[in-house]
PDB file of all heavy atoms in Angstrom:
ATOM      1  N   GLU A   1     -15.501  -5.969   4.914  1.00  0.00           N
ATOM      2  CA  GLU A   1     -14.428  -6.727   4.169  1.00  0.00           C
ATOM      3  C   GLU A   1     -13.368  -5.771   3.459  1.00  0.00           C
ATOM      4  O   GLU A   1     -12.466  -6.288   2.973  1.00  0.00           O
ATOM      5  CB  GLU A   1     -14.906  -7.702   3.202  1.00  0.00           C
ATOM      6  CG  GLU A   1     -15.998  -7.125   2.171  1.00  0.00           C
ATOM      7  CD  GLU A   1     -17.490  -7.385   2.644  1.00  0.00           C
ATOM      8  OE1 GLU A   1     -17.614  -7.256   3.977  1.00  0.00           O
ATOM      9  OE2 GLU A   1     -18.235  -7.781   1.918  1.00  0.00           O
ATOM     10  N   ASP A   2     -13.672  -4.482   3.568  1.00  0.00           N
ATOM     11  CA  ASP A   2     -12.736  -3.568   3.133  1.00  0.00           C
ATOM     12  C   ASP A   2     -11.758  -3.089   4.035  1.00  0.00           C
ATOM     13  O   ASP A   2     -10.720  -2.351   3.784  1.00  0.00           O
ATOM     14  CB  ASP A   2     -13.499  -2.268   2.657  1.00  0.00           C
ATOM     15  CG  ASP A   2     -14.293  -2.643   1.404  1.00  0.00           C
ATOM     16  OD1 ASP A   2     -13.977  -3.212   0.462  1.00  0.00           O
ATOM     17  OD2 ASP A   2     -15.488  -1.923   1.384  1.00  0.00           O
ATOM     18  N   THR A   3     -11.854  -3.562   5.303  1.00  0.00           N
ATOM     19  CA  THR A   3     -10.815  -3.277   6.353  1.00  0.00           C
ATOM     20  C   THR A   3      -9.558  -3.873   5.995  1.00  0.00           C
ATOM     21  O   THR A   3      -9.396  -5.079   5.612  1.00  0.00           O
ATOM     22  CB  THR A   3     -11.350  -4.011   7.712  1.00  0.00           C
ATOM     23  OG1 THR A   3     -12.617  -3.351   8.072  1.00  0.00           O
ATOM     24  CG2 THR A   3     -10.323  -3.838   8.814  1.00  0.00           C
ATOM     25  N   ALA A   4      -8.580  -2.952   6.065  1.00  0.00           N
ATOM     26  CA  ALA A   4      -7.156  -3.323   5.662  1.00  0.00           C
ATOM     27  C   ALA A   4      -6.251  -2.102   5.768  1.00  0.00           C
ATOM     28  O   ALA A   4      -6.867  -1.021   6.030  1.00  0.00           O
ATOM     29  CB  ALA A   4      -7.233  -3.826   4.106  1.00  0.00           C
ATOM     30  N   VAL A   5      -4.999  -2.359   5.533  1.00  0.00           N
ATOM     31  CA  VAL A   5      -4.106  -1.274   5.450  1.00  0.00           C
ATOM     32  C   VAL A   5      -3.982  -1.088   4.041  1.00  0.00           C
ATOM     33  O   VAL A   5      -3.689  -1.871   3.127  1.00  0.00           O
ATOM     34  CB  VAL A   5      -2.755  -1.614   6.159  1.00  0.00           C
ATOM     35  CG1 VAL A   5      -1.707  -0.399   5.932  1.00  0.00           C
ATOM     36  CG2 VAL A   5      -2.858  -1.826   7.635  1.00  0.00           C
ATOM     37  N   TYR A   6      -4.039   0.260   3.513  1.00  0.00           N
ATOM     38  CA  TYR A   6      -4.044   0.601   2.236  1.00  0.00           C
ATOM     39  C   TYR A   6      -2.798   1.362   1.847  1.00  0.00           C
ATOM     40  O   TYR A   6      -2.212   2.125   2.594  1.00  0.00           O
ATOM     41  CB  TYR A   6      -5.215   1.604   1.911  1.00  0.00           C
ATOM     42  CG  TYR A   6      -6.607   0.824   1.655  1.00  0.00           C
ATOM     43  CD1 TYR A   6      -7.083   0.285   2.880  1.00  0.00           C
ATOM     44  CD2 TYR A   6      -7.149   0.608   0.552  1.00  0.00           C
ATOM     45  CE1 TYR A   6      -8.350  -0.483   2.870  1.00  0.00           C
ATOM     46  CE2 TYR A   6      -8.354   0.009   0.457  1.00  0.00           C
ATOM     47  CZ  TYR A   6      -8.874  -0.602   1.650  1.00  0.00           C
ATOM     48  OH  TYR A   6     -10.158  -1.253   1.609  1.00  0.00           O
ATOM     49  N   PHE A   7      -2.112   0.954   0.769  1.00  0.00           N
ATOM     50  CA  PHE A   7      -0.871   1.454   0.234  1.00  0.00           C
ATOM     51  C   PHE A   7      -0.953   1.873  -1.190  1.00  0.00           C
ATOM     52  O   PHE A   7      -1.773   1.366  -1.995  1.00  0.00           O
ATOM     53  CB  PHE A   7       0.175   0.406   0.248  1.00  0.00           C
ATOM     54  CG  PHE A   7       0.310  -0.356   1.510  1.00  0.00           C
ATOM     55  CD1 PHE A   7      -0.454  -1.372   1.929  1.00  0.00           C
ATOM     56  CD2 PHE A   7       1.403   0.070   2.421  1.00  0.00           C
ATOM     57  CE1 PHE A   7      -0.169  -2.147   3.051  1.00  0.00           C
ATOM     58  CE2 PHE A   7       1.645  -0.642   3.528  1.00  0.00           C
ATOM     59  CZ  PHE A   7       0.808  -1.633   3.858  1.00  0.00           C
ATOM     60  N   CYS A   8      -0.128   2.861  -1.481  1.00  0.00           N
ATOM     61  CA  CYS A   8      -0.082   3.168  -2.939  1.00  0.00           C
ATOM     62  C   CYS A   8       1.365   2.882  -3.378  1.00  0.00           C
ATOM     63  O   CYS A   8       2.337   3.026  -2.571  1.00  0.00           O
ATOM     64  CB  CYS A   8      -0.389   4.639  -3.223  1.00  0.00           C
ATOM     65  SG  CYS A   8       0.784   5.914  -2.649  1.00  0.00           S
ATOM     66  N   ASN A   9       1.548   2.648  -4.717  1.00  0.00           N
ATOM     67  CA  ASN A   9       2.819   2.426  -5.263  1.00  0.00           C
ATOM     68  C   ASN A   9       2.625   2.484  -6.740  1.00  0.00           C
ATOM     69  O   ASN A   9       1.522   2.493  -7.368  1.00  0.00           O
ATOM     70  CB  ASN A   9       3.308   1.036  -4.804  1.00  0.00           C
ATOM     71  CG  ASN A   9       4.839   0.819  -4.925  1.00  0.00           C
ATOM     72  OD1 ASN A   9       5.491   1.335  -5.887  1.00  0.00           O
ATOM     73  ND2 ASN A   9       5.380   0.072  -3.951  1.00  0.00           N
ATOM     74  N   LYS A  10       3.767   2.505  -7.401  1.00  0.00           N
ATOM     75  CA  LYS A  10       3.707   2.354  -8.881  1.00  0.00           C
ATOM     76  C   LYS A  10       3.091   0.895  -9.176  1.00  0.00           C
ATOM     77  O   LYS A  10       3.011   0.042  -8.427  1.00  0.00           O
ATOM     78  CB  LYS A  10       5.126   2.407  -9.421  1.00  0.00           C
ATOM     79  CG  LYS A  10       5.192   2.509 -10.923  1.00  0.00           C
ATOM     80  CD  LYS A  10       6.674   2.580 -11.389  1.00  0.00           C
ATOM     81  CE  LYS A  10       7.464   1.351 -11.161  1.00  0.00           C
ATOM     82  NZ  LYS A  10       7.060   0.220 -12.040  1.00  0.00           N
ATOM     83  N   ASN A  11       2.586   0.831 -10.399  1.00  0.00           N
ATOM     84  CA  ASN A  11       2.090  -0.457 -10.896  1.00  0.00           C
ATOM     85  C   ASN A  11       2.752  -0.817 -12.275  1.00  0.00           C
ATOM     86  O   ASN A  11       2.575  -0.121 -13.147  1.00  0.00           O
ATOM     87  CB  ASN A  11       0.530  -0.445 -11.115  1.00  0.00           C
ATOM     88  CG  ASN A  11       0.025  -1.706 -11.576  1.00  0.00           C
ATOM     89  OD1 ASN A  11      -0.417  -1.941 -12.659  1.00  0.00           O
ATOM     90  ND2 ASN A  11       0.056  -2.752 -10.608  1.00  0.00           N
ATOM     91  N   PRO A  12       3.472  -1.909 -12.161  1.00  0.00           N
ATOM     92  CA  PRO A  12       3.839  -2.781 -11.098  1.00  0.00           C
ATOM     93  C   PRO A  12       4.678  -2.129 -10.104  1.00  0.00           C
ATOM     94  O   PRO A  12       5.368  -1.095 -10.364  1.00  0.00           O
ATOM     95  CB  PRO A  12       4.557  -3.918 -11.760  1.00  0.00           C
ATOM     96  CG  PRO A  12       5.125  -3.459 -12.996  1.00  0.00           C
ATOM     97  CD  PRO A  12       4.111  -2.432 -13.493  1.00  0.00           C
ATOM     98  N   PRO A  13       4.624  -2.485  -8.795  1.00  0.00           N
ATOM     99  CA  PRO A  13       5.172  -1.774  -7.641  1.00  0.00           C
ATOM    100  C   PRO A  13       6.750  -1.801  -7.573  1.00  0.00           C
ATOM    101  O   PRO A  13       7.422  -2.833  -8.002  1.00  0.00           O
ATOM    102  CB  PRO A  13       4.584  -2.369  -6.475  1.00  0.00           C
ATOM    103  CG  PRO A  13       4.284  -3.849  -6.897  1.00  0.00           C
ATOM    104  CD  PRO A  13       3.932  -3.747  -8.345  1.00  0.00           C
ATOM    105  N   TYR A  14       7.350  -0.765  -7.110  1.00  0.00           N
ATOM    106  CA  TYR A  14       8.628  -0.762  -6.645  1.00  0.00           C
ATOM    107  C   TYR A  14       8.740  -1.535  -5.402  1.00  0.00           C
ATOM    108  O   TYR A  14       8.067  -1.323  -4.339  1.00  0.00           O
ATOM    109  CB  TYR A  14       9.129   0.700  -6.389  1.00  0.00           C
ATOM    110  CG  TYR A  14       9.477   1.481  -7.494  1.00  0.00           C
ATOM    111  CD1 TYR A  14       8.799   2.718  -7.693  1.00  0.00           C
ATOM    112  CD2 TYR A  14      10.400   1.179  -8.518  1.00  0.00           C
ATOM    113  CE1 TYR A  14       9.019   3.535  -8.826  1.00  0.00           C
ATOM    114  CE2 TYR A  14      10.624   1.878  -9.515  1.00  0.00           C
ATOM    115  CZ  TYR A  14      10.025   3.115  -9.708  1.00  0.00           C
ATOM    116  OH  TYR A  14      10.255   3.975 -10.715  1.00  0.00           O
ATOM    117  N   ALA A  15       9.547  -2.722  -5.310  1.00  0.00           N
ATOM    118  CA  ALA A  15       9.569  -3.543  -4.298  1.00  0.00           C
ATOM    119  C   ALA A  15      10.071  -2.932  -2.940  1.00  0.00           C
ATOM    120  O   ALA A  15       9.697  -3.176  -1.804  1.00  0.00           O
ATOM    121  CB  ALA A  15      10.409  -4.737  -4.479  1.00  0.00           C
ATOM    122  N   ASN A  16      10.930  -1.941  -3.155  1.00  0.00           N
ATOM    123  CA  ASN A  16      11.594  -1.226  -1.947  1.00  0.00           C
ATOM    124  C   ASN A  16      10.868   0.148  -1.543  1.00  0.00           C
ATOM    125  O   ASN A  16      11.535   0.852  -0.787  1.00  0.00           O
ATOM    126  CB  ASN A  16      13.092  -1.140  -2.084  1.00  0.00           C
ATOM    127  CG  ASN A  16      13.719  -2.454  -2.360  1.00  0.00           C
ATOM    128  OD1 ASN A  16      13.441  -3.442  -1.564  1.00  0.00           O
ATOM    129  ND2 ASN A  16      14.681  -2.560  -3.170  1.00  0.00           N
ATOM    130  N   ALA A  17       9.785   0.336  -2.106  1.00  0.00           N
ATOM    131  CA  ALA A  17       9.248   1.765  -1.897  1.00  0.00           C
ATOM    132  C   ALA A  17       7.943   1.739  -1.163  1.00  0.00           C
ATOM    133  O   ALA A  17       7.231   2.669  -1.209  1.00  0.00           O
ATOM    134  CB  ALA A  17       9.058   2.482  -3.231  1.00  0.00           C
ATOM    135  N   TRP A  18       7.552   0.573  -0.605  1.00  0.00           N
ATOM    136  CA  TRP A  18       6.263   0.567   0.131  1.00  0.00           C
ATOM    137  C   TRP A  18       6.371   1.508   1.366  1.00  0.00           C
ATOM    138  O   TRP A  18       7.284   1.509   2.078  1.00  0.00           O
ATOM    139  CB  TRP A  18       5.977  -0.840   0.567  1.00  0.00           C
ATOM    140  CG  TRP A  18       5.712  -1.826  -0.488  1.00  0.00           C
ATOM    141  CD1 TRP A  18       6.521  -2.775  -0.834  1.00  0.00           C
ATOM    142  CD2 TRP A  18       4.507  -1.887  -1.251  1.00  0.00           C
ATOM    143  NE1 TRP A  18       5.940  -3.502  -1.895  1.00  0.00           N
ATOM    144  CE2 TRP A  18       4.682  -2.891  -2.137  1.00  0.00           C
ATOM    145  CE3 TRP A  18       3.228  -1.137  -1.335  1.00  0.00           C
ATOM    146  CZ2 TRP A  18       3.724  -3.256  -3.208  1.00  0.00           C
ATOM    147  CZ3 TRP A  18       2.434  -1.545  -2.219  1.00  0.00           C
ATOM    148  CH2 TRP A  18       2.549  -2.519  -3.124  1.00  0.00           C
ATOM    149  N   GLY A  19       5.270   2.243   1.543  1.00  0.00           N
ATOM    150  CA  GLY A  19       5.135   3.233   2.635  1.00  0.00           C
ATOM    151  C   GLY A  19       4.594   2.534   3.890  1.00  0.00           C
ATOM    152  O   GLY A  19       4.419   1.264   3.954  1.00  0.00           O
ATOM    153  N   GLN A  20       4.233   3.277   4.760  1.00  0.00           N
ATOM    154  CA  GLN A  20       3.564   2.762   6.046  1.00  0.00           C
ATOM    155  C   GLN A  20       2.108   2.400   5.823  1.00  0.00           C
ATOM    156  O   GLN A  20       1.602   1.567   6.580  1.00  0.00           O
ATOM    157  CB  GLN A  20       3.717   3.779   7.185  1.00  0.00           C
ATOM    158  CG  GLN A  20       5.220   3.969   7.531  1.00  0.00           C
ATOM    159  CD  GLN A  20       5.752   2.818   8.237  1.00  0.00           C
ATOM    160  OE1 GLN A  20       5.088   2.106   8.984  1.00  0.00           O
ATOM    161  NE2 GLN A  20       6.903   2.516   7.676  1.00  0.00           N
ATOM    162  N   GLY A  21       1.535   2.998   4.750  1.00  0.00           N
ATOM    163  CA  GLY A  21       0.123   2.738   4.495  1.00  0.00           C
ATOM    164  C   GLY A  21      -0.807   3.516   5.483  1.00  0.00           C
ATOM    165  O   GLY A  21      -0.263   4.221   6.328  1.00  0.00           O
ATOM    166  N   THR A  22      -1.983   3.428   5.198  1.00  0.00           N
ATOM    167  CA  THR A  22      -3.072   4.173   5.960  1.00  0.00           C
ATOM    168  C   THR A  22      -4.180   2.981   6.319  1.00  0.00           C
ATOM    169  O   THR A  22      -4.630   2.298   5.312  1.00  0.00           O
ATOM    170  CB  THR A  22      -3.497   5.355   5.304  1.00  0.00           C
ATOM    171  OG1 THR A  22      -4.418   6.032   6.281  1.00  0.00           O
ATOM    172  CG2 THR A  22      -4.273   5.012   4.089  1.00  0.00           C
ATOM    173  N   GLU A  23      -4.536   2.963   7.626  1.00  0.00           N
ATOM    174  CA  GLU A  23      -5.376   1.904   7.944  1.00  0.00           C
ATOM    175  C   GLU A  23      -6.835   2.295   7.884  1.00  0.00           C
ATOM    176  O   GLU A  23      -7.212   3.300   8.324  1.00  0.00           O
ATOM    177  CB  GLU A  23      -5.139   1.445   9.428  1.00  0.00           C
ATOM    178  CG  GLU A  23      -5.758   0.274   9.966  1.00  0.00           C
ATOM    179  CD  GLU A  23      -5.167  -0.334  11.285  1.00  0.00           C
ATOM    180  OE1 GLU A  23      -4.409   0.423  11.810  1.00  0.00           O
ATOM    181  OE2 GLU A  23      -5.794  -1.293  11.634  1.00  0.00           O
ATOM    182  N   VAL A  24      -7.592   1.395   7.365  1.00  0.00           N
ATOM    183  CA  VAL A  24      -9.067   1.567   7.056  1.00  0.00           C
ATOM    184  C   VAL A  24      -9.833   0.543   7.908  1.00  0.00           C
ATOM    185  O   VAL A  24      -9.468  -0.663   7.651  1.00  0.00           O
ATOM    186  CB  VAL A  24      -9.450   1.634   5.691  1.00  0.00           C
ATOM    187  CG1 VAL A  24     -10.971   1.649   5.528  1.00  0.00           C
ATOM    188  CG2 VAL A  24      -8.831   2.759   4.904  1.00  0.00           C
TER     189      VAL A  24
END
């Protein structure tokens, strides 16, 4: 259930700064 694409961002996030993420 940890399977997902993982992203980092500021918290709370910048709406326009999401990267491509890394898939787990």
